[in-house]
Protein backbone atom coordinates (compact mmCIF):
# COMPACT_ATOMS: atom_id res chain seq x y z
CA UNK A 1 -5.88 4.17 16.61
CA UNK A 2 -3.31 6.76 15.63
CA UNK A 3 -5.01 10.40 15.73
CA UNK A 4 -2.21 12.09 14.10
CA UNK A 5 -1.87 11.54 10.31
CA UNK A 6 1.19 9.51 9.33
CA UNK A 7 1.91 11.34 6.00
CA UNK A 8 1.50 14.97 5.47
CA UNK A 9 1.33 14.71 1.61
CA UNK A 10 -0.66 11.59 0.99
CA UNK A 11 -3.90 13.27 -0.22
CA UNK A 12 -1.82 15.47 -2.65
CA UNK A 13 0.04 12.44 -4.11
CA UNK A 14 -2.92 10.20 -4.21
CA UNK A 15 -5.97 12.51 -4.67
CA UNK A 16 -8.19 9.54 -5.85
CA UNK A 17 -7.67 7.51 -3.00
CA UNK A 18 -10.86 6.47 -1.22
CA UNK A 19 -11.32 8.32 2.23
CA UNK A 20 -11.72 4.95 4.09
CA UNK A 21 -8.33 3.81 2.70
CA UNK A 22 -6.67 7.27 3.14
CA UNK A 23 -7.83 7.28 6.90
CA UNK A 24 -6.72 3.57 7.38
CA UNK A 25 -3.34 4.26 5.98
CA UNK A 26 -2.91 7.55 7.91
CA UNK A 27 -3.94 5.61 11.17
CA UNK A 28 -1.70 2.76 10.46
CA UNK A 29 -4.48 0.26 10.23
CA UNK A 30 -3.17 -0.47 6.73
CA UNK A 31 0.15 0.05 5.09
CA UNK A 32 0.91 1.29 1.71
CA UNK A 33 3.87 0.16 -0.48
CA UNK A 34 5.30 0.84 -3.80
CA UNK A 35 5.49 -1.66 -6.52
CA UNK A 36 9.03 -2.59 -7.74
CA UNK A 37 8.29 -2.94 -11.30
CA UNK A 38 11.99 -3.79 -11.93
CA UNK A 39 11.82 -6.87 -9.67
CA UNK A 40 11.71 -10.39 -11.12
CA UNK A 41 8.66 -10.94 -8.90
CA UNK A 42 6.77 -8.27 -10.65
CA UNK A 43 7.57 -9.82 -14.09
CA UNK A 44 5.99 -12.95 -13.00
CA UNK A 45 2.99 -11.25 -11.42
CA UNK A 46 2.34 -9.09 -14.42
CA UNK A 47 2.19 -12.18 -16.62
CA UNK A 48 -0.42 -13.67 -14.51
CA UNK A 49 -2.16 -10.24 -13.85
CA UNK A 50 -1.78 -8.07 -16.74
CA UNK A 51 -4.17 -5.55 -15.35
CA UNK A 52 -1.25 -4.64 -12.85
CA UNK A 53 0.52 -2.72 -15.81
CA UNK A 54 -0.96 0.65 -14.23
CA UNK A 55 -0.58 -0.35 -10.60
CA UNK A 56 1.95 1.74 -8.67
CA UNK A 57 0.98 1.23 -5.19
CA UNK A 58 -0.58 -1.50 -3.14
CA UNK A 59 -2.46 -1.26 0.29
CA UNK A 60 -2.11 -4.40 2.61
CA UNK A 61 -2.40 -5.06 6.37
CA UNK A 62 0.78 -5.46 8.39
CA UNK A 63 -1.00 -7.07 11.14
CA UNK A 64 -2.28 -10.21 9.36
CA UNK A 65 -0.34 -13.36 10.69
CA UNK A 66 1.68 -15.25 7.94
CA UNK A 67 -0.58 -18.29 8.56
CA UNK A 68 -3.77 -16.24 7.71
CA UNK A 69 -2.24 -14.34 4.62
CA UNK A 70 -4.35 -16.28 2.22
CA UNK A 71 -7.57 -14.55 3.57
CA UNK A 72 -6.00 -11.00 2.92
CA UNK A 73 -7.12 -8.91 -0.16
CA UNK A 74 -4.50 -6.46 -1.56
CA UNK A 75 -5.60 -3.35 -3.19
CA UNK A 76 -3.59 -2.05 -6.05
CA UNK A 77 -3.71 1.60 -6.89
CA UNK A 78 -2.72 3.50 -9.89
CA UNK A 79 -0.40 6.64 -9.49
CA UNK A 80 -3.26 8.83 -8.46
CA UNK A 81 -4.63 6.42 -5.95
CA UNK A 82 -7.61 4.91 -7.85
CA UNK A 83 -8.12 1.27 -7.12
CA UNK A 84 -7.48 -0.94 -10.00
CA UNK A 85 -7.41 -4.34 -8.64
CA UNK A 86 -8.12 -6.46 -5.67
CA UNK A 87 -6.15 -9.80 -5.35
CA UNK A 88 -6.20 -12.19 -2.67
CA UNK A 89 -3.56 -13.54 -0.67
CA UNK A 90 -4.20 -17.01 -2.10
CA UNK A 91 -3.33 -15.75 -5.55
CA UNK A 92 -0.37 -13.66 -4.81
CA UNK A 93 2.33 -12.84 -2.02
CA UNK A 94 3.92 -9.34 -1.75
CA UNK A 95 7.30 -10.72 -0.74
CA UNK A 96 9.83 -9.42 -3.33
CA UNK A 97 7.34 -7.07 -5.02
CA UNK A 98 7.57 -3.87 -3.01
CA UNK A 99 9.87 -1.17 -2.33
CA UNK A 100 9.65 1.77 0.07
CA UNK A 101 7.47 4.89 -0.78
CA UNK A 102 10.00 7.58 -0.56
CA UNK A 103 7.68 10.18 -2.08
CA UNK A 104 5.52 10.08 1.17
CA UNK A 105 6.64 12.57 3.71
CA UNK A 106 6.05 11.66 7.37
CA UNK A 107 4.54 14.50 9.32
CA UNK A 108 6.43 16.31 12.00
CA UNK A 109 3.59 15.80 14.47
CA UNK A 110 3.59 11.96 13.80
CA UNK A 111 7.33 11.71 14.25
CA UNK A 112 7.12 13.68 17.62
CA UNK A 113 4.19 11.56 18.77
CA UNK A 114 6.29 8.32 18.19
CA UNK A 115 9.21 9.65 20.21
CA UNK A 116 7.06 10.15 23.42
């Protein structure tokens, strides 16, 4: 497990993110992505899951094998990190729904540690 936090501003940008999720993202157990609301995929997903209107981010596992994707649960967050919905991989795939989280700054310590 990564001891050095990945993002230096995660807590400031997502103050309502549960500590266990924050630690999981910071240690790279889980990944965070930003929802691309301009994508065609989001328009289809939003019709099926209207509660995702307020969703800005999603937390997911980058380690789950594609063949086991249906067993994953995606945690959708609002702009402050509050959990607003949990959707299973049986109901939804994230492919075509995400874009990079450019607002998160990777910490210098993390970058330095990656180079070693």
